[in-house]
Amino acid sequence: MYTINCDRFDRCSANVCPLDPEWHKRKHLNGDRVCFYLIEAQKANAKALFDTCGRGYLYSVMHELTPAISARHNTIKRTLELAKKTGSRMGKKIGVRHE
């Protein structure tokens, strides 16, 4: 059982969930989905976006686990590196502009 709740859990299809204490045992194949919040945690001003949405606790987990997940799963690492260069989907929901 996960200790932190995720509002996307029931509809998420990412094999590697940072909230899963055994995420390191999961496989991630090229083309598999990557956790939405893990991707969002890579964006500019991510901490502020998560805090604004009331999900600061999720940011903390994602930020802490990004290096370990990236080291273990190269395809996730590449996705997260690309995510740094694009705007936030969470930011669009709350009306944050990216310049």
N, C-alpha and C. Protein backbone atom coordinates (compact mmCIF):
# COMPACT_ATOMS: atom_id res chain seq x y z
N MET A 1 0.84 -1.19 0.00
CA MET A 1 0.00 0.00 0.00
C MET A 1 0.88 1.25 0.00
N TYR A 2 0.47 2.25 -0.77
CA TYR A 2 1.22 3.49 -0.86
C TYR A 2 0.92 4.37 0.35
N THR A 3 1.96 5.03 0.83
CA THR A 3 1.78 5.88 2.02
C THR A 3 1.28 7.27 1.65
N ILE A 4 1.47 7.67 0.40
CA ILE A 4 1.02 8.98 -0.06
C ILE A 4 -0.02 8.75 -1.14
N ASN A 5 -1.13 9.45 -1.06
CA ASN A 5 -2.19 9.29 -2.05
C ASN A 5 -1.90 10.11 -3.30
N CYS A 6 -2.27 9.55 -4.43
CA CYS A 6 -2.13 10.22 -5.72
C CYS A 6 -3.50 10.26 -6.37
N ASP A 7 -3.93 11.45 -6.75
CA ASP A 7 -5.25 11.60 -7.36
C ASP A 7 -5.34 10.96 -8.75
N ARG A 8 -4.23 10.58 -9.33
CA ARG A 8 -4.21 9.95 -10.66
C ARG A 8 -4.02 8.44 -10.59
N PHE A 9 -3.89 7.89 -9.42
CA PHE A 9 -3.53 6.48 -9.28
C PHE A 9 -4.48 5.54 -10.03
N ASP A 10 -5.77 5.74 -9.90
CA ASP A 10 -6.75 4.81 -10.50
C ASP A 10 -6.74 4.81 -12.02
N ARG A 11 -6.26 5.89 -12.64
CA ARG A 11 -6.25 5.95 -14.09
C ARG A 11 -4.83 6.01 -14.68
N CYS A 12 -3.85 5.82 -13.87
CA CYS A 12 -2.45 5.88 -14.29
C CYS A 12 -1.99 4.54 -14.84
N SER A 13 -1.21 4.59 -15.90
CA SER A 13 -0.69 3.35 -16.48
C SER A 13 0.84 3.31 -16.48
N ALA A 14 1.47 4.15 -15.67
CA ALA A 14 2.93 4.13 -15.55
C ALA A 14 3.36 2.90 -14.74
N ASN A 15 4.27 2.14 -15.28
CA ASN A 15 4.76 0.96 -14.57
C ASN A 15 5.61 1.33 -13.36
N VAL A 16 6.36 2.41 -13.48
CA VAL A 16 7.23 2.85 -12.40
C VAL A 16 6.54 4.02 -11.69
N CYS A 17 6.01 3.73 -10.50
CA CYS A 17 5.34 4.76 -9.70
C CYS A 17 6.27 5.17 -8.57
N PRO A 18 6.68 6.43 -8.52
CA PRO A 18 7.58 6.88 -7.46
C PRO A 18 6.98 6.70 -6.06
N LEU A 19 5.67 6.57 -5.95
CA LEU A 19 5.03 6.38 -4.66
C LEU A 19 5.05 4.93 -4.21
N ASP A 20 5.40 4.04 -5.11
CA ASP A 20 5.50 2.62 -4.80
C ASP A 20 6.84 2.37 -4.11
N PRO A 21 6.83 1.88 -2.88
CA PRO A 21 8.10 1.65 -2.19
C PRO A 21 8.99 0.63 -2.91
N GLU A 22 8.42 -0.13 -3.80
CA GLU A 22 9.20 -1.12 -4.55
C GLU A 22 9.32 -0.73 -6.02
N TRP A 23 9.31 0.57 -6.31
CA TRP A 23 9.42 1.05 -7.69
C TRP A 23 10.65 0.49 -8.38
N HIS A 24 11.71 0.29 -7.63
CA HIS A 24 12.98 -0.19 -8.21
C HIS A 24 12.89 -1.62 -8.73
N LYS A 25 11.83 -2.34 -8.38
CA LYS A 25 11.63 -3.70 -8.87
C LYS A 25 10.81 -3.73 -10.17
N ARG A 26 10.29 -2.58 -10.57
CA ARG A 26 9.42 -2.52 -11.73
C ARG A 26 10.22 -2.31 -13.01
N LYS A 27 9.70 -2.81 -14.09
CA LYS A 27 10.34 -2.64 -15.40
C LYS A 27 9.69 -1.47 -16.12
N HIS A 28 10.49 -0.77 -16.89
CA HIS A 28 10.00 0.31 -17.74
C HIS A 28 10.56 0.07 -19.14
N LEU A 29 9.66 -0.16 -20.07
CA LEU A 29 10.07 -0.41 -21.45
C LEU A 29 9.90 0.85 -22.29
N ASN A 30 10.68 0.95 -23.34
CA ASN A 30 10.56 2.07 -24.25
C ASN A 30 9.12 2.18 -24.73
N GLY A 31 8.53 3.34 -24.61
CA GLY A 31 7.14 3.55 -25.00
C GLY A 31 6.16 3.49 -23.85
N ASP A 32 6.59 2.96 -22.70
CA ASP A 32 5.71 2.94 -21.53
C ASP A 32 5.49 4.36 -21.03
N ARG A 33 4.35 4.58 -20.42
CA ARG A 33 4.06 5.90 -19.84
C ARG A 33 4.98 6.19 -18.66
N VAL A 34 5.20 7.47 -18.44
CA VAL A 34 5.99 7.94 -17.30
C VAL A 34 5.05 8.71 -16.39
N CYS A 35 5.23 8.57 -15.11
CA CYS A 35 4.40 9.24 -14.10
C CYS A 35 4.24 10.73 -14.41
N PHE A 36 2.99 11.17 -14.47
CA PHE A 36 2.67 12.57 -14.74
C PHE A 36 3.38 13.50 -13.76
N TYR A 37 3.30 13.18 -12.47
CA TYR A 37 3.88 14.06 -11.46
C TYR A 37 5.41 14.04 -11.49
N LEU A 38 5.99 12.92 -11.86
CA LEU A 38 7.45 12.86 -12.00
C LEU A 38 7.89 13.79 -13.14
N ILE A 39 7.15 13.78 -14.23
CA ILE A 39 7.44 14.68 -15.34
C ILE A 39 7.24 16.13 -14.92
N GLU A 40 6.13 16.43 -14.28
CA GLU A 40 5.83 17.80 -13.87
C GLU A 40 6.86 18.35 -12.88
N ALA A 41 7.46 17.47 -12.09
CA ALA A 41 8.45 17.91 -11.10
C ALA A 41 9.73 18.41 -11.76
N GLN A 42 9.89 18.18 -13.06
CA GLN A 42 11.08 18.62 -13.78
C GLN A 42 10.93 20.02 -14.35
N LYS A 43 9.74 20.55 -14.37
CA LYS A 43 9.46 21.83 -15.01
C LYS A 43 10.02 23.01 -14.22
N ALA A 44 10.20 24.12 -14.92
CA ALA A 44 10.62 25.35 -14.25
C ALA A 44 9.56 25.72 -13.21
N ASN A 45 9.99 26.15 -12.06
CA ASN A 45 9.10 26.57 -10.97
C ASN A 45 8.18 25.44 -10.50
N ALA A 46 8.63 24.20 -10.62
CA ALA A 46 7.80 23.05 -10.27
C ALA A 46 7.33 23.09 -8.82
N LYS A 47 8.22 23.40 -7.90
CA LYS A 47 7.83 23.40 -6.48
C LYS A 47 6.67 24.36 -6.24
N ALA A 48 6.77 25.54 -6.80
CA ALA A 48 5.70 26.53 -6.63
C ALA A 48 4.39 26.04 -7.27
N LEU A 49 4.48 25.40 -8.42
CA LEU A 49 3.28 24.87 -9.07
C LEU A 49 2.62 23.80 -8.21
N PHE A 50 3.41 22.87 -7.70
CA PHE A 50 2.87 21.81 -6.85
C PHE A 50 2.26 22.41 -5.58
N ASP A 51 2.94 23.38 -4.99
CA ASP A 51 2.43 24.02 -3.77
C ASP A 51 1.10 24.73 -4.06
N THR A 52 1.03 25.44 -5.19
CA THR A 52 -0.19 26.15 -5.56
C THR A 52 -1.37 25.19 -5.74
N CYS A 53 -1.08 24.01 -6.26
CA CYS A 53 -2.13 23.00 -6.48
C CYS A 53 -2.40 22.17 -5.24
N GLY A 54 -1.71 22.44 -4.14
CA GLY A 54 -1.92 21.67 -2.92
C GLY A 54 -1.28 20.29 -2.96
N ARG A 55 -0.23 20.14 -3.78
CA ARG A 55 0.42 18.84 -3.91
C ARG A 55 1.92 18.93 -3.61
N GLY A 56 2.27 19.79 -2.71
CA GLY A 56 3.68 19.96 -2.34
C GLY A 56 4.31 18.67 -1.85
N TYR A 57 3.52 17.84 -1.18
CA TYR A 57 4.03 16.56 -0.69
C TYR A 57 4.45 15.67 -1.86
N LEU A 58 3.73 15.72 -2.98
CA LEU A 58 4.10 14.94 -4.16
C LEU A 58 5.39 15.46 -4.78
N TYR A 59 5.54 16.78 -4.81
CA TYR A 59 6.78 17.34 -5.35
C TYR A 59 7.98 16.84 -4.56
N SER A 60 7.88 16.81 -3.25
CA SER A 60 8.99 16.36 -2.41
C SER A 60 9.43 14.95 -2.77
N VAL A 61 8.46 14.06 -2.95
CA VAL A 61 8.77 12.67 -3.31
C VAL A 61 9.40 12.62 -4.70
N MET A 62 8.80 13.30 -5.66
CA MET A 62 9.30 13.27 -7.04
C MET A 62 10.71 13.84 -7.12
N HIS A 63 10.92 14.95 -6.45
CA HIS A 63 12.24 15.61 -6.47
C HIS A 63 13.30 14.70 -5.84
N GLU A 64 12.95 14.07 -4.75
CA GLU A 64 13.89 13.20 -4.05
C GLU A 64 14.24 11.96 -4.87
N LEU A 65 13.26 11.38 -5.57
CA LEU A 65 13.49 10.13 -6.29
C LEU A 65 13.95 10.28 -7.74
N THR A 66 13.89 11.48 -8.29
CA THR A 66 14.29 11.68 -9.69
C THR A 66 15.68 11.14 -9.99
N PRO A 67 16.71 11.44 -9.18
CA PRO A 67 18.04 10.92 -9.52
C PRO A 67 18.12 9.39 -9.52
N ALA A 68 17.49 8.74 -8.56
CA ALA A 68 17.55 7.28 -8.48
C ALA A 68 16.78 6.62 -9.63
N ILE A 69 15.61 7.15 -9.93
CA ILE A 69 14.81 6.60 -11.04
C ILE A 69 15.53 6.82 -12.36
N SER A 70 16.10 8.00 -12.54
CA SER A 70 16.84 8.30 -13.77
C SER A 70 18.06 7.39 -13.93
N ALA A 71 18.72 7.10 -12.84
CA ALA A 71 19.90 6.24 -12.90
C ALA A 71 19.52 4.81 -13.26
N ARG A 72 18.37 4.38 -12.84
CA ARG A 72 17.94 2.99 -13.08
C ARG A 72 17.25 2.79 -14.42
N HIS A 73 16.57 3.83 -14.91
CA HIS A 73 15.76 3.72 -16.13
C HIS A 73 16.14 4.83 -17.12
N ASN A 74 16.98 4.49 -18.09
CA ASN A 74 17.45 5.49 -19.06
C ASN A 74 16.32 6.09 -19.89
N THR A 75 15.31 5.31 -20.21
CA THR A 75 14.21 5.86 -21.02
C THR A 75 13.41 6.89 -20.22
N ILE A 76 13.25 6.66 -18.93
CA ILE A 76 12.59 7.67 -18.08
C ILE A 76 13.49 8.90 -17.98
N LYS A 77 14.77 8.68 -17.82
CA LYS A 77 15.72 9.81 -17.72
C LYS A 77 15.61 10.72 -18.94
N ARG A 78 15.54 10.13 -20.13
CA ARG A 78 15.44 10.93 -21.36
C ARG A 78 14.11 11.71 -21.37
N THR A 79 13.05 11.07 -20.95
CA THR A 79 11.75 11.75 -20.89
C THR A 79 11.80 12.93 -19.93
N LEU A 80 12.44 12.74 -18.79
CA LEU A 80 12.53 13.81 -17.80
C LEU A 80 13.42 14.96 -18.28
N GLU A 81 14.47 14.63 -19.02
CA GLU A 81 15.33 15.68 -19.57
C GLU A 81 14.57 16.52 -20.59
N LEU A 82 13.78 15.87 -21.42
CA LEU A 82 12.95 16.60 -22.39
C LEU A 82 11.89 17.43 -21.69
N ALA A 83 11.36 16.93 -20.60
CA ALA A 83 10.30 17.64 -19.86
C ALA A 83 10.78 18.98 -19.33
N LYS A 84 12.06 19.10 -19.05
CA LYS A 84 12.61 20.37 -18.54
C LYS A 84 12.47 21.50 -19.56
N LYS A 85 12.34 21.13 -20.83
CA LYS A 85 12.32 22.11 -21.92
C LYS A 85 10.91 22.51 -22.35
N THR A 86 9.89 21.96 -21.70
CA THR A 86 8.51 22.26 -22.09
C THR A 86 7.74 22.83 -20.91
N GLY A 87 6.62 23.42 -21.22
CA GLY A 87 5.78 24.02 -20.19
C GLY A 87 5.03 22.98 -19.38
N SER A 88 4.53 23.42 -18.26
CA SER A 88 3.82 22.55 -17.34
C SER A 88 2.36 22.40 -17.71
N ARG A 89 1.86 21.17 -17.68
CA ARG A 89 0.43 20.94 -17.86
C ARG A 89 -0.33 21.35 -16.61
N MET A 90 0.28 21.21 -15.45
CA MET A 90 -0.36 21.68 -14.21
C MET A 90 -0.49 23.19 -14.25
N GLY A 91 0.54 23.86 -14.73
CA GLY A 91 0.54 25.32 -14.82
C GLY A 91 -0.55 25.84 -15.73
N LYS A 92 -0.82 25.10 -16.82
CA LYS A 92 -1.89 25.51 -17.73
C LYS A 92 -3.24 25.44 -17.04
N LYS A 93 -3.40 24.43 -16.18
CA LYS A 93 -4.68 24.27 -15.47
C LYS A 93 -4.94 25.44 -14.52
N ILE A 94 -3.87 25.96 -13.91
CA ILE A 94 -4.07 27.05 -12.95
C ILE A 94 -3.77 28.41 -13.55
N GLY A 95 -3.48 28.45 -14.86
CA GLY A 95 -3.32 29.73 -15.55
C GLY A 95 -1.95 30.35 -15.43
N VAL A 96 -0.91 29.57 -15.25
CA VAL A 96 0.45 30.10 -15.18
C VAL A 96 0.98 30.20 -16.59
N ARG A 97 1.57 31.35 -16.93
CA ARG A 97 2.14 31.54 -18.26
C ARG A 97 3.61 31.20 -18.24
N HIS A 98 4.07 30.59 -19.34
CA HIS A 98 5.49 30.26 -19.49
C HIS A 98 6.08 31.17 -20.55
N GLU A 99 7.17 31.83 -20.22
CA GLU A 99 7.78 32.77 -21.14
C GLU A 99 9.11 32.28 -21.60
